[in-house]
Amino acid sequence: ELPQRTDAAFIRKAVDEFVAVFRKGDAAALAALWTPEGEYVDDQGTTIRGRAALEKDYAAFFAANPRNVLAVDVDGTRFPSRDTAVVDGHFKLTRGKGEVAVSRCSFLFAREDGSWRIAIA
């Protein structure tokens, strides 16, 4: 069964919500967008696992890097199963001094209890 168009719209909304919450600098709200055991792997290969660890890491990042603006350009979304979606794209992080850092990103979203949450990024 192919995913409904509504699933693609919900995934886009979830990515937009991630960007909006990141821009607010709200570590707790950002961590809540992940599955309970969600994993973030940074550009150096370090893995942060679980909502509590993600919240702590985001809080430290926001404290050390105020006034960042994040954008996510989505290159494509695919649905390997009914309850998973993979979003490929690019992060564009504009730092307080106007420096722009661009990096490739990939999200694995999982549908849990009717909501799409980030499982791996």
PDB file of N, CA and C in Angstrom:
ATOM      1  N   GLU A   1       0.848  -1.183   0.000  1.00  0.00           N
ATOM      2  CA  GLU A   1       0.000   0.000   0.000  1.00  0.00           C
ATOM      3  C   GLU A   1       0.891   1.242   0.000  1.00  0.00           C
ATOM      4  N   LEU A   2       0.665   2.107  -0.960  1.00  0.00           N
ATOM      5  CA  LEU A   2       1.458   3.330  -1.041  1.00  0.00           C
ATOM      6  C   LEU A   2       0.957   4.357  -0.040  1.00  0.00           C
ATOM      7  N   PRO A   3       1.861   5.140   0.518  1.00  0.00           N
ATOM      8  CA  PRO A   3       1.435   6.163   1.488  1.00  0.00           C
ATOM      9  C   PRO A   3       0.512   7.188   0.833  1.00  0.00           C
ATOM     10  N   GLN A   4      -0.334   7.730   1.609  1.00  0.00           N
ATOM     11  CA  GLN A   4      -1.239   8.778   1.150  1.00  0.00           C
ATOM     12  C   GLN A   4      -0.471  10.087   0.997  1.00  0.00           C
ATOM     13  N   ARG A   5      -0.996  10.949   0.174  1.00  0.00           N
ATOM     14  CA  ARG A   5      -0.377  12.279   0.040  1.00  0.00           C
ATOM     15  C   ARG A   5      -0.370  13.007   1.381  1.00  0.00           C
ATOM     16  N   THR A   6      -1.360  12.692   2.207  1.00  0.00           N
ATOM     17  CA  THR A   6      -1.430  13.356   3.507  1.00  0.00           C
ATOM     18  C   THR A   6      -0.198  13.018   4.352  1.00  0.00           C
ATOM     19  N   ASP A   7       0.356  11.798   4.202  1.00  0.00           N
ATOM     20  CA  ASP A   7       1.569  11.453   4.949  1.00  0.00           C
ATOM     21  C   ASP A   7       2.721  12.374   4.548  1.00  0.00           C
ATOM     22  N   ALA A   8       2.879  12.638   3.263  1.00  0.00           N
ATOM     23  CA  ALA A   8       3.938  13.536   2.788  1.00  0.00           C
ATOM     24  C   ALA A   8       3.732  14.939   3.361  1.00  0.00           C
ATOM     25  N   ALA A   9       2.478  15.381   3.433  1.00  0.00           N
ATOM     26  CA  ALA A   9       2.183  16.700   3.998  1.00  0.00           C
ATOM     27  C   ALA A   9       2.504  16.735   5.488  1.00  0.00           C
ATOM     28  N   PHE A  10       2.183  15.648   6.202  1.00  0.00           N
ATOM     29  CA  PHE A  10       2.497  15.592   7.635  1.00  0.00           C
ATOM     30  C   PHE A  10       4.007  15.585   7.867  1.00  0.00           C
ATOM     31  N   ILE A  11       4.746  14.910   7.009  1.00  0.00           N
ATOM     32  CA  ILE A  11       6.212  14.893   7.134  1.00  0.00           C
ATOM     33  C   ILE A  11       6.766  16.289   6.904  1.00  0.00           C
ATOM     34  N   ARG A  12       6.276  16.974   5.886  1.00  0.00           N
ATOM     35  CA  ARG A  12       6.736  18.346   5.606  1.00  0.00           C
ATOM     36  C   ARG A  12       6.434  19.247   6.811  1.00  0.00           C
ATOM     37  N   LYS A  13       5.239  19.067   7.390  1.00  0.00           N
ATOM     38  CA  LYS A  13       4.855  19.850   8.566  1.00  0.00           C
ATOM     39  C   LYS A  13       5.792  19.535   9.737  1.00  0.00           C
ATOM     40  N   ALA A  14       6.166  18.263   9.901  1.00  0.00           N
ATOM     41  CA  ALA A  14       7.077  17.871  10.982  1.00  0.00           C
ATOM     42  C   ALA A  14       8.454  18.503  10.803  1.00  0.00           C
ATOM     43  N   VAL A  15       8.942  18.564   9.568  1.00  0.00           N
ATOM     44  CA  VAL A  15      10.235  19.218   9.298  1.00  0.00           C
ATOM     45  C   VAL A  15      10.125  20.707   9.601  1.00  0.00           C
ATOM     46  N   ASP A  16       9.039  21.336   9.162  1.00  0.00           N
ATOM     47  CA  ASP A  16       8.834  22.770   9.425  1.00  0.00           C
ATOM     48  C   ASP A  16       8.746  23.051  10.925  1.00  0.00           C
ATOM     49  N   GLU A  17       8.089  22.145  11.665  1.00  0.00           N
ATOM     50  CA  GLU A  17       7.982  22.315  13.117  1.00  0.00           C
ATOM     51  C   GLU A  17       9.363  22.205  13.771  1.00  0.00           C
ATOM     52  N   PHE A  18      10.183  21.259  13.315  1.00  0.00           N
ATOM     53  CA  PHE A  18      11.547  21.117  13.816  1.00  0.00           C
ATOM     54  C   PHE A  18      12.312  22.426  13.625  1.00  0.00           C
ATOM     55  N   VAL A  19      12.226  23.008  12.435  1.00  0.00           N
ATOM     56  CA  VAL A  19      12.928  24.269  12.141  1.00  0.00           C
ATOM     57  C   VAL A  19      12.410  25.386  13.046  1.00  0.00           C
ATOM     58  N   ALA A  20      11.093  25.513  13.191  1.00  0.00           N
ATOM     59  CA  ALA A  20      10.506  26.584  14.007  1.00  0.00           C
ATOM     60  C   ALA A  20      10.918  26.466  15.465  1.00  0.00           C
ATOM     61  N   VAL A  21      10.898  25.248  16.005  1.00  0.00           N
ATOM     62  CA  VAL A  21      11.267  25.046  17.412  1.00  0.00           C
ATOM     63  C   VAL A  21      12.765  25.285  17.601  1.00  0.00           C
ATOM     64  N   PHE A  22      13.579  24.861  16.638  1.00  0.00           N
ATOM     65  CA  PHE A  22      15.018  25.111  16.698  1.00  0.00           C
ATOM     66  C   PHE A  22      15.281  26.620  16.751  1.00  0.00           C
ATOM     67  N   ARG A  23      14.586  27.367  15.921  1.00  0.00           N
ATOM     68  CA  ARG A  23      14.788  28.830  15.876  1.00  0.00           C
ATOM     69  C   ARG A  23      14.420  29.491  17.202  1.00  0.00           C
ATOM     70  N   LYS A  24      13.468  28.901  17.938  1.00  0.00           N
ATOM     71  CA  LYS A  24      13.093  29.434  19.252  1.00  0.00           C
ATOM     72  C   LYS A  24      14.133  29.101  20.314  1.00  0.00           C
ATOM     73  N   GLY A  25      14.980  28.106  20.038  1.00  0.00           N
ATOM     74  CA  GLY A  25      15.988  27.704  21.009  1.00  0.00           C
ATOM     75  C   GLY A  25      15.414  26.931  22.180  1.00  0.00           C
ATOM     76  N   ASP A  26      14.314  26.231  21.962  1.00  0.00           N
ATOM     77  CA  ASP A  26      13.630  25.489  23.022  1.00  0.00           C
ATOM     78  C   ASP A  26      14.077  24.030  22.992  1.00  0.00           C
ATOM     79  N   ALA A  27      15.062  23.693  23.814  1.00  0.00           N
ATOM     80  CA  ALA A  27      15.656  22.354  23.810  1.00  0.00           C
ATOM     81  C   ALA A  27      14.651  21.275  24.190  1.00  0.00           C
ATOM     82  N   ALA A  28      13.808  21.538  25.179  1.00  0.00           N
ATOM     83  CA  ALA A  28      12.829  20.531  25.616  1.00  0.00           C
ATOM     84  C   ALA A  28      11.801  20.255  24.522  1.00  0.00           C
ATOM     85  N   ALA A  29      11.292  21.306  23.906  1.00  0.00           N
ATOM     86  CA  ALA A  29      10.306  21.133  22.836  1.00  0.00           C
ATOM     87  C   ALA A  29      10.930  20.442  21.624  1.00  0.00           C
ATOM     88  N   LEU A  30      12.190  20.744  21.353  1.00  0.00           N
ATOM     89  CA  LEU A  30      12.881  20.112  20.226  1.00  0.00           C
ATOM     90  C   LEU A  30      13.072  18.621  20.481  1.00  0.00           C
ATOM     91  N   ALA A  31      13.488  18.270  21.680  1.00  0.00           N
ATOM     92  CA  ALA A  31      13.677  16.856  22.024  1.00  0.00           C
ATOM     93  C   ALA A  31      12.361  16.093  21.956  1.00  0.00           C
ATOM     94  N   ALA A  32      11.259  16.762  22.257  1.00  0.00           N
ATOM     95  CA  ALA A  32       9.942  16.113  22.231  1.00  0.00           C
ATOM     96  C   ALA A  32       9.504  15.730  20.820  1.00  0.00           C
ATOM     97  N   LEU A  33      10.159  16.278  19.800  1.00  0.00           N
ATOM     98  CA  LEU A  33       9.829  15.940  18.420  1.00  0.00           C
ATOM     99  C   LEU A  33      10.446  14.606  17.990  1.00  0.00           C
ATOM    100  N   TRP A  34      11.275  14.034  18.852  1.00  0.00           N
ATOM    101  CA  TRP A  34      11.967  12.773  18.570  1.00  0.00           C
ATOM    102  C   TRP A  34      11.227  11.603  19.214  1.00  0.00           C
ATOM    103  N   THR A  35      11.485  10.402  18.708  1.00  0.00           N
ATOM    104  CA  THR A  35      10.998   9.203  19.382  1.00  0.00           C
ATOM    105  C   THR A  35      11.749   9.096  20.711  1.00  0.00           C
ATOM    106  N   PRO A  36      11.222   8.352  21.686  1.00  0.00           N
ATOM    107  CA  PRO A  36      11.889   8.252  22.990  1.00  0.00           C
ATOM    108  C   PRO A  36      13.351   7.806  22.912  1.00  0.00           C
ATOM    109  N   GLU A  37      13.675   6.932  21.984  1.00  0.00           N
ATOM    110  CA  GLU A  37      15.050   6.449  21.836  1.00  0.00           C
ATOM    111  C   GLU A  37      15.715   6.997  20.576  1.00  0.00           C
ATOM    112  N   GLY A  38      15.265   8.156  20.113  1.00  0.00           N
ATOM    113  CA  GLY A  38      15.802   8.756  18.895  1.00  0.00           C
ATOM    114  C   GLY A  38      17.311   8.952  18.960  1.00  0.00           C
ATOM    115  N   GLU A  39      17.937   8.928  17.794  1.00  0.00           N
ATOM    116  CA  GLU A  39      19.393   9.058  17.691  1.00  0.00           C
ATOM    117  C   GLU A  39      19.762  10.166  16.722  1.00  0.00           C
ATOM    118  N   TYR A  40      20.665  11.030  17.171  1.00  0.00           N
ATOM    119  CA  TYR A  40      21.250  12.050  16.298  1.00  0.00           C
ATOM    120  C   TYR A  40      22.722  11.730  16.136  1.00  0.00           C
ATOM    121  N   VAL A  41      23.178  11.663  14.892  1.00  0.00           N
ATOM    122  CA  VAL A  41      24.591  11.436  14.604  1.00  0.00           C
ATOM    123  C   VAL A  41      25.122  12.717  13.966  1.00  0.00           C
ATOM    124  N   ASP A  42      26.108  13.354  14.628  1.00  0.00           N
ATOM    125  CA  ASP A  42      26.617  14.619  14.116  1.00  0.00           C
ATOM    126  C   ASP A  42      27.652  14.390  13.009  1.00  0.00           C
ATOM    127  N   ASP A  43      28.156  15.490  12.460  1.00  0.00           N
ATOM    128  CA  ASP A  43      29.095  15.413  11.341  1.00  0.00           C
ATOM    129  C   ASP A  43      30.394  14.699  11.702  1.00  0.00           C
ATOM    130  N   GLN A  44      30.731  14.646  12.990  1.00  0.00           N
ATOM    131  CA  GLN A  44      31.949  13.958  13.430  1.00  0.00           C
ATOM    132  C   GLN A  44      31.692  12.485  13.753  1.00  0.00           C
ATOM    133  N   GLY A  45      30.430  12.048  13.647  1.00  0.00           N
ATOM    134  CA  GLY A  45      30.109  10.655  13.907  1.00  0.00           C
ATOM    135  C   GLY A  45      29.700  10.364  15.344  1.00  0.00           C
ATOM    136  N   THR A  46      29.586  11.409  16.175  1.00  0.00           N
ATOM    137  CA  THR A  46      29.147  11.230  17.553  1.00  0.00           C
ATOM    138  C   THR A  46      27.638  10.990  17.575  1.00  0.00           C
ATOM    139  N   THR A  47      27.189   9.978  18.326  1.00  0.00           N
ATOM    140  CA  THR A  47      25.766   9.669  18.425  1.00  0.00           C
ATOM    141  C   THR A  47      25.217  10.116  19.769  1.00  0.00           C
ATOM    142  N   ILE A  48      24.108  10.861  19.720  1.00  0.00           N
ATOM    143  CA  ILE A  48      23.389  11.267  20.917  1.00  0.00           C
ATOM    144  C   ILE A  48      22.088  10.475  20.890  1.00  0.00           C
ATOM    145  N   ARG A  49      21.813   9.717  21.958  1.00  0.00           N
ATOM    146  CA  ARG A  49      20.694   8.770  21.940  1.00  0.00           C
ATOM    147  C   ARG A  49      19.717   9.050  23.073  1.00  0.00           C
ATOM    148  N   GLY A  50      18.434   9.161  22.742  1.00  0.00           N
ATOM    149  CA  GLY A  50      17.377   9.335  23.735  1.00  0.00           C
ATOM    150  C   GLY A  50      17.001  10.798  23.940  1.00  0.00           C
ATOM    151  N   ARG A  51      15.737  11.020  24.280  1.00  0.00           N
ATOM    152  CA  ARG A  51      15.242  12.398  24.428  1.00  0.00           C
ATOM    153  C   ARG A  51      15.996  13.205  25.474  1.00  0.00           C
ATOM    154  N   ALA A  52      16.300  12.601  26.629  1.00  0.00           N
ATOM    155  CA  ALA A  52      16.992  13.350  27.694  1.00  0.00           C
ATOM    156  C   ALA A  52      18.363  13.821  27.210  1.00  0.00           C
ATOM    157  N   ALA A  53      19.094  12.945  26.539  1.00  0.00           N
ATOM    158  CA  ALA A  53      20.424  13.306  26.029  1.00  0.00           C
ATOM    159  C   ALA A  53      20.306  14.340  24.916  1.00  0.00           C
ATOM    160  N   LEU A  54      19.299  14.195  24.069  1.00  0.00           N
ATOM    161  CA  LEU A  54      19.085  15.177  22.996  1.00  0.00           C
ATOM    162  C   LEU A  54      18.767  16.546  23.582  1.00  0.00           C
ATOM    163  N   GLU A  55      17.891  16.576  24.593  1.00  0.00           N
ATOM    164  CA  GLU A  55      17.543  17.855  25.216  1.00  0.00           C
ATOM    165  C   GLU A  55      18.777  18.517  25.826  1.00  0.00           C
ATOM    166  N   LYS A  56      19.591  17.731  26.520  1.00  0.00           N
ATOM    167  CA  LYS A  56      20.813  18.261  27.136  1.00  0.00           C
ATOM    168  C   LYS A  56      21.764  18.807  26.071  1.00  0.00           C
ATOM    169  N   ASP A  57      21.919  18.077  24.970  1.00  0.00           N
ATOM    170  CA  ASP A  57      22.811  18.497  23.897  1.00  0.00           C
ATOM    171  C   ASP A  57      22.292  19.764  23.215  1.00  0.00           C
ATOM    172  N   TYR A  58      20.988  19.806  22.934  1.00  0.00           N
ATOM    173  CA  TYR A  58      20.418  21.014  22.328  1.00  0.00           C
ATOM    174  C   TYR A  58      20.561  22.212  23.257  1.00  0.00           C
ATOM    175  N   ALA A  59      20.320  22.026  24.564  1.00  0.00           N
ATOM    176  CA  ALA A  59      20.441  23.131  25.522  1.00  0.00           C
ATOM    177  C   ALA A  59      21.867  23.681  25.531  1.00  0.00           C
ATOM    178  N   ALA A  60      22.846  22.786  25.512  1.00  0.00           N
ATOM    179  CA  ALA A  60      24.252  23.230  25.485  1.00  0.00           C
ATOM    180  C   ALA A  60      24.561  23.961  24.185  1.00  0.00           C
ATOM    181  N   PHE A  61      24.046  23.438  23.080  1.00  0.00           N
ATOM    182  CA  PHE A  61      24.274  24.082  21.779  1.00  0.00           C
ATOM    183  C   PHE A  61      23.670  25.480  21.756  1.00  0.00           C
ATOM    184  N   PHE A  62      22.415  25.611  22.208  1.00  0.00           N
ATOM    185  CA  PHE A  62      21.755  26.915  22.192  1.00  0.00           C
ATOM    186  C   PHE A  62      22.456  27.906  23.125  1.00  0.00           C
ATOM    187  N   ALA A  63      22.951  27.439  24.270  1.00  0.00           N
ATOM    188  CA  ALA A  63      23.661  28.321  25.203  1.00  0.00           C
ATOM    189  C   ALA A  63      24.964  28.827  24.581  1.00  0.00           C
ATOM    190  N   ALA A  64      25.653  27.954  23.852  1.00  0.00           N
ATOM    191  CA  ALA A  64      26.937  28.323  23.249  1.00  0.00           C
ATOM    192  C   ALA A  64      26.778  29.054  21.920  1.00  0.00           C
ATOM    193  N   ASN A  65      25.613  28.917  21.291  1.00  0.00           N
ATOM    194  CA  ASN A  65      25.404  29.475  19.948  1.00  0.00           C
ATOM    195  C   ASN A  65      24.074  30.222  19.861  1.00  0.00           C
ATOM    196  N   PRO A  66      23.985  31.371  20.515  1.00  0.00           N
ATOM    197  CA  PRO A  66      22.717  32.109  20.446  1.00  0.00           C
ATOM    198  C   PRO A  66      22.497  32.705  19.057  1.00  0.00           C
ATOM    199  N   ARG A  67      21.253  32.976  18.772  1.00  0.00           N
ATOM    200  CA  ARG A  67      20.852  33.681  17.538  1.00  0.00           C
ATOM    201  C   ARG A  67      21.198  32.922  16.260  1.00  0.00           C
ATOM    202  N   ASN A  68      21.114  31.611  16.286  1.00  0.00           N
ATOM    203  CA  ASN A  68      21.283  30.846  15.055  1.00  0.00           C
ATOM    204  C   ASN A  68      19.938  30.739  14.347  1.00  0.00           C
ATOM    205  N   VAL A  69      19.994  30.698  13.037  1.00  0.00           N
ATOM    206  CA  VAL A  69      18.787  30.510  12.241  1.00  0.00           C
ATOM    207  C   VAL A  69      19.003  29.262  11.395  1.00  0.00           C
ATOM    208  N   LEU A  70      18.086  28.304  11.517  1.00  0.00           N
ATOM    209  CA  LEU A  70      18.182  27.057  10.772  1.00  0.00           C
ATOM    210  C   LEU A  70      17.136  27.020   9.668  1.00  0.00           C
ATOM    211  N   ALA A  71      17.553  26.526   8.522  1.00  0.00           N
ATOM    212  CA  ALA A  71      16.626  26.213   7.433  1.00  0.00           C
ATOM    213  C   ALA A  71      16.943  24.794   6.991  1.00  0.00           C
ATOM    214  N   VAL A  72      15.925  24.076   6.563  1.00  0.00           N
ATOM    215  CA  VAL A  72      16.123  22.737   6.006  1.00  0.00           C
ATOM    216  C   VAL A  72      15.542  22.739   4.603  1.00  0.00           C
ATOM    217  N   ASP A  73      16.400  22.515   3.619  1.00  0.00           N
ATOM    218  CA  ASP A  73      15.950  22.349   2.241  1.00  0.00           C
ATOM    219  C   ASP A  73      15.748  20.859   2.007  1.00  0.00           C
ATOM    220  N   VAL A  74      14.521  20.463   1.714  1.00  0.00           N
ATOM    221  CA  VAL A  74      14.197  19.051   1.490  1.00  0.00           C
ATOM    222  C   VAL A  74      14.429  18.721   0.020  1.00  0.00           C
ATOM    223  N   ASP A  75      15.289  17.727  -0.213  1.00  0.00           N
ATOM    224  CA  ASP A  75      15.559  17.273  -1.577  1.00  0.00           C
ATOM    225  C   ASP A  75      14.593  16.171  -1.995  1.00  0.00           C
ATOM    226  N   GLY A  76      14.124  15.388  -1.032  1.00  0.00           N
ATOM    227  CA  GLY A  76      13.201  14.314  -1.362  1.00  0.00           C
ATOM    228  C   GLY A  76      12.724  13.583  -0.125  1.00  0.00           C
ATOM    229  N   THR A  77      11.575  12.953  -0.260  1.00  0.00           N
ATOM    230  CA  THR A  77      10.993  12.148   0.816  1.00  0.00           C
ATOM    231  C   THR A  77      10.568  10.816   0.214  1.00  0.00           C
ATOM    232  N   ARG A  78      10.902   9.740   0.903  1.00  0.00           N
ATOM    233  CA  ARG A  78      10.468   8.418   0.443  1.00  0.00           C
ATOM    234  C   ARG A  78       9.928   7.644   1.631  1.00  0.00           C
ATOM    235  N   PHE A  79       9.084   6.682   1.350  1.00  0.00           N
ATOM    236  CA  PHE A  79       8.408   5.904   2.375  1.00  0.00           C
ATOM    237  C   PHE A  79       8.777   4.425   2.219  1.00  0.00           C
ATOM    238  N   PRO A  80       9.812   3.961   2.953  1.00  0.00           N
ATOM    239  CA  PRO A  80      10.192   2.559   2.839  1.00  0.00           C
ATOM    240  C   PRO A  80       9.158   1.613   3.437  1.00  0.00           C
ATOM    241  N   SER A  81       8.283   2.122   4.284  1.00  0.00           N
ATOM    242  CA  SER A  81       7.176   1.333   4.809  1.00  0.00           C
ATOM    243  C   SER A  81       6.042   2.288   5.162  1.00  0.00           C
ATOM    244  N   ARG A  82       4.924   1.726   5.550  1.00  0.00           N
ATOM    245  CA  ARG A  82       3.744   2.544   5.851  1.00  0.00           C
ATOM    246  C   ARG A  82       4.000   3.506   7.004  1.00  0.00           C
ATOM    247  N   ASP A  83       4.829   3.112   7.967  1.00  0.00           N
ATOM    248  CA  ASP A  83       5.032   3.916   9.171  1.00  0.00           C
ATOM    249  C   ASP A  83       6.439   4.490   9.295  1.00  0.00           C
ATOM    250  N   THR A  84       7.176   4.540   8.176  1.00  0.00           N
ATOM    251  CA  THR A  84       8.487   5.187   8.182  1.00  0.00           C
ATOM    252  C   THR A  84       8.627   6.070   6.953  1.00  0.00           C
ATOM    253  N   ALA A  85       9.374   7.149   7.125  1.00  0.00           N
ATOM    254  CA  ALA A  85       9.658   8.065   6.021  1.00  0.00           C
ATOM    255  C   ALA A  85      11.103   8.524   6.149  1.00  0.00           C
ATOM    256  N   VAL A  86      11.772   8.637   5.020  1.00  0.00           N
ATOM    257  CA  VAL A  86      13.145   9.138   4.981  1.00  0.00           C
ATOM    258  C   VAL A  86      13.118  10.468   4.240  1.00  0.00           C
ATOM    259  N   VAL A  87      13.653  11.496   4.890  1.00  0.00           N
ATOM    260  CA  VAL A  87      13.741  12.826   4.299  1.00  0.00           C
ATOM    261  C   VAL A  87      15.217  13.137   4.100  1.00  0.00           C
ATOM    262  N   ASP A  88      15.587  13.410   2.856  1.00  0.00           N
ATOM    263  CA  ASP A  88      16.959  13.819   2.544  1.00  0.00           C
ATOM    264  C   ASP A  88      16.952  15.296   2.197  1.00  0.00           C
ATOM    265  N   GLY A  89      17.991  15.993   2.637  1.00  0.00           N
ATOM    266  CA  GLY A  89      18.057  17.416   2.350  1.00  0.00           C
ATOM    267  C   GLY A  89      19.348  18.024   2.837  1.00  0.00           C
ATOM    268  N   HIS A  90      19.278  19.319   3.106  1.00  0.00           N
ATOM    269  CA  HIS A  90      20.438  20.072   3.572  1.00  0.00           C
ATOM    270  C   HIS A  90      20.025  20.995   4.706  1.00  0.00           C
ATOM    271  N   PHE A  91      20.853  21.006   5.756  1.00  0.00           N
ATOM    272  CA  PHE A  91      20.729  21.995   6.819  1.00  0.00           C
ATOM    273  C   PHE A  91      21.458  23.242   6.366  1.00  0.00           C
ATOM    274  N   LYS A  92      20.871  24.398   6.598  1.00  0.00           N
ATOM    275  CA  LYS A  92      21.564  25.668   6.398  1.00  0.00           C
ATOM    276  C   LYS A  92      21.476  26.404   7.724  1.00  0.00           C
ATOM    277  N   LEU A  93      22.601  26.461   8.425  1.00  0.00           N
ATOM    278  CA  LEU A  93      22.652  27.105   9.730  1.00  0.00           C
ATOM    279  C   LEU A  93      23.356  28.446   9.580  1.00  0.00           C
ATOM    280  N   THR A  94      22.617  29.523   9.836  1.00  0.00           N
ATOM    281  CA  THR A  94      23.193  30.863   9.784  1.00  0.00           C
ATOM    282  C   THR A  94      23.526  31.262  11.209  1.00  0.00           C
ATOM    283  N   ARG A  95      24.789  31.446  11.450  1.00  0.00           N
ATOM    284  CA  ARG A  95      25.248  31.801  12.794  1.00  0.00           C
ATOM    285  C   ARG A  95      25.034  33.285  13.036  1.00  0.00           C
ATOM    286  N   GLY A  96      25.132  33.691  14.288  1.00  0.00           N
ATOM    287  CA  GLY A  96      24.877  35.067  14.688  1.00  0.00           C
ATOM    288  C   GLY A  96      25.641  36.108  13.892  1.00  0.00           C
ATOM    289  N   LYS A  97      26.846  35.765  13.436  1.00  0.00           N
ATOM    290  CA  LYS A  97      27.674  36.723  12.688  1.00  0.00           C
ATOM    291  C   LYS A  97      27.401  36.679  11.190  1.00  0.00           C
ATOM    292  N   GLY A  98      26.390  35.914  10.769  1.00  0.00           N
ATOM    293  CA  GLY A  98      26.063  35.843   9.359  1.00  0.00           C
ATOM    294  C   GLY A  98      26.766  34.727   8.606  1.00  0.00           C
ATOM    295  N   GLU A  99      27.585  33.935   9.309  1.00  0.00           N
ATOM    296  CA  GLU A  99      28.262  32.805   8.660  1.00  0.00           C
ATOM    297  C   GLU A  99      27.233  31.720   8.387  1.00  0.00           C
ATOM    298  N   VAL A 100      27.289  31.138   7.212  1.00  0.00           N
ATOM    299  CA  VAL A 100      26.357  30.072   6.848  1.00  0.00           C
ATOM    300  C   VAL A 100      27.109  28.752   6.748  1.00  0.00           C
ATOM    301  N   ALA A 101      26.621  27.758   7.470  1.00  0.00           N
ATOM    302  CA  ALA A 101      27.182  26.404   7.401  1.00  0.00           C
ATOM    303  C   ALA A 101      26.126  25.518   6.752  1.00  0.00           C
ATOM    304  N   VAL A 102      26.517  24.819   5.701  1.00  0.00           N
ATOM    305  CA  VAL A 102      25.595  23.930   4.998  1.00  0.00           C
ATOM    306  C   VAL A 102      26.093  22.506   5.160  1.00  0.00           C
ATOM    307  N   SER A 103      25.182  21.612   5.521  1.00  0.00           N
ATOM    308  CA  SER A 103      25.553  20.210   5.617  1.00  0.00           C
ATOM    309  C   SER A 103      24.389  19.344   5.145  1.00  0.00           C
ATOM    310  N   ARG A 104      24.736  18.198   4.596  1.00  0.00           N
ATOM    311  CA  ARG A 104      23.725  17.248   4.141  1.00  0.00           C
ATOM    312  C   ARG A 104      23.045  16.659   5.372  1.00  0.00           C
ATOM    313  N   CYS A 105      21.745  16.397   5.262  1.00  0.00           N
ATOM    314  CA  CYS A 105      21.032  15.784   6.378  1.00  0.00           C
ATOM    315  C   CYS A 105      20.083  14.713   5.864  1.00  0.00           C
ATOM    316  N   SER A 106      19.800  13.788   6.736  1.00  0.00           N
ATOM    317  CA  SER A 106      18.840  12.738   6.442  1.00  0.00           C
ATOM    318  C   SER A 106      18.097  12.429   7.732  1.00  0.00           C
ATOM    319  N   PHE A 107      16.781  12.420   7.653  1.00  0.00           N
ATOM    320  CA  PHE A 107      15.932  12.100   8.793  1.00  0.00           C
ATOM    321  C   PHE A 107      15.205  10.790   8.516  1.00  0.00           C
ATOM    322  N   LEU A 108      15.123   9.951   9.518  1.00  0.00           N
ATOM    323  CA  LEU A 108      14.205   8.818   9.481  1.00  0.00           C
ATOM    324  C   LEU A 108      13.068   9.170  10.433  1.00  0.00           C
ATOM    325  N   PHE A 109      11.864   9.320   9.897  1.00  0.00           N
ATOM    326  CA  PHE A 109      10.686   9.575  10.705  1.00  0.00           C
ATOM    327  C   PHE A 109       9.954   8.262  10.916  1.00  0.00           C
ATOM    328  N   ALA A 110       9.408   8.090  12.114  1.00  0.00           N
ATOM    329  CA  ALA A 110       8.594   6.913  12.426  1.00  0.00           C
ATOM    330  C   ALA A 110       7.239   7.396  12.925  1.00  0.00           C
ATOM    331  N   ARG A 111       6.191   6.719  12.479  1.00  0.00           N
ATOM    332  CA  ARG A 111       4.852   7.060  12.959  1.00  0.00           C
ATOM    333  C   ARG A 111       4.605   6.241  14.218  1.00  0.00           C
ATOM    334  N   GLU A 112       4.404   6.952  15.335  1.00  0.00           N
ATOM    335  CA  GLU A 112       4.125   6.301  16.617  1.00  0.00           C
ATOM    336  C   GLU A 112       2.877   6.928  17.205  1.00  0.00           C
ATOM    337  N   ASP A 113       1.906   6.104  17.533  1.00  0.00           N
ATOM    338  CA  ASP A 113       0.646   6.579  18.126  1.00  0.00           C
ATOM    339  C   ASP A 113       0.028   7.691  17.294  1.00  0.00           C
ATOM    340  N   GLY A 114       0.120   7.563  15.963  1.00  0.00           N
ATOM    341  CA  GLY A 114      -0.515   8.515  15.072  1.00  0.00           C
ATOM    342  C   GLY A 114       0.278   9.780  14.770  1.00  0.00           C
ATOM    343  N   SER A 115       1.450   9.940  15.394  1.00  0.00           N
ATOM    344  CA  SER A 115       2.276  11.131  15.167  1.00  0.00           C
ATOM    345  C   SER A 115       3.596  10.743  14.497  1.00  0.00           C
ATOM    346  N   TRP A 116       4.066  11.595  13.612  1.00  0.00           N
ATOM    347  CA  TRP A 116       5.374  11.385  12.989  1.00  0.00           C
ATOM    348  C   TRP A 116       6.440  12.020  13.873  1.00  0.00           C
ATOM    349  N   ARG A 117       7.430  11.209  14.281  1.00  0.00           N
ATOM    350  CA  ARG A 117       8.523  11.681  15.129  1.00  0.00           C
ATOM    351  C   ARG A 117       9.855  11.314  14.480  1.00  0.00           C
ATOM    352  N   ILE A 118      10.880  12.083  14.808  1.00  0.00           N
ATOM    353  CA  ILE A 118      12.216  11.807  14.283  1.00  0.00           C
ATOM    354  C   ILE A 118      12.784  10.627  15.047  1.00  0.00           C
ATOM    355  N   ALA A 119      13.204   9.593  14.330  1.00  0.00           N
ATOM    356  CA  ALA A 119      13.822   8.424  14.953  1.00  0.00           C
ATOM    357  C   ALA A 119      15.344   8.504  14.842  1.00  0.00           C
ATOM    358  N   ILE A 120      15.824   8.913  13.683  1.00  0.00           N
ATOM    359  CA  ILE A 120      17.270   9.037  13.455  1.00  0.00           C
ATOM    360  C   ILE A 120      17.521  10.237  12.551  1.00  0.00           C
ATOM    361  N   ALA A 121      18.547  10.992  12.863  1.00  0.00           N
ATOM    362  CA  ALA A 121      18.970  12.095  11.991  1.00  0.00           C
ATOM    363  C   ALA A 121      20.489  12.119  11.949  1.00  0.00           C
TER     364      ALA A 121
END
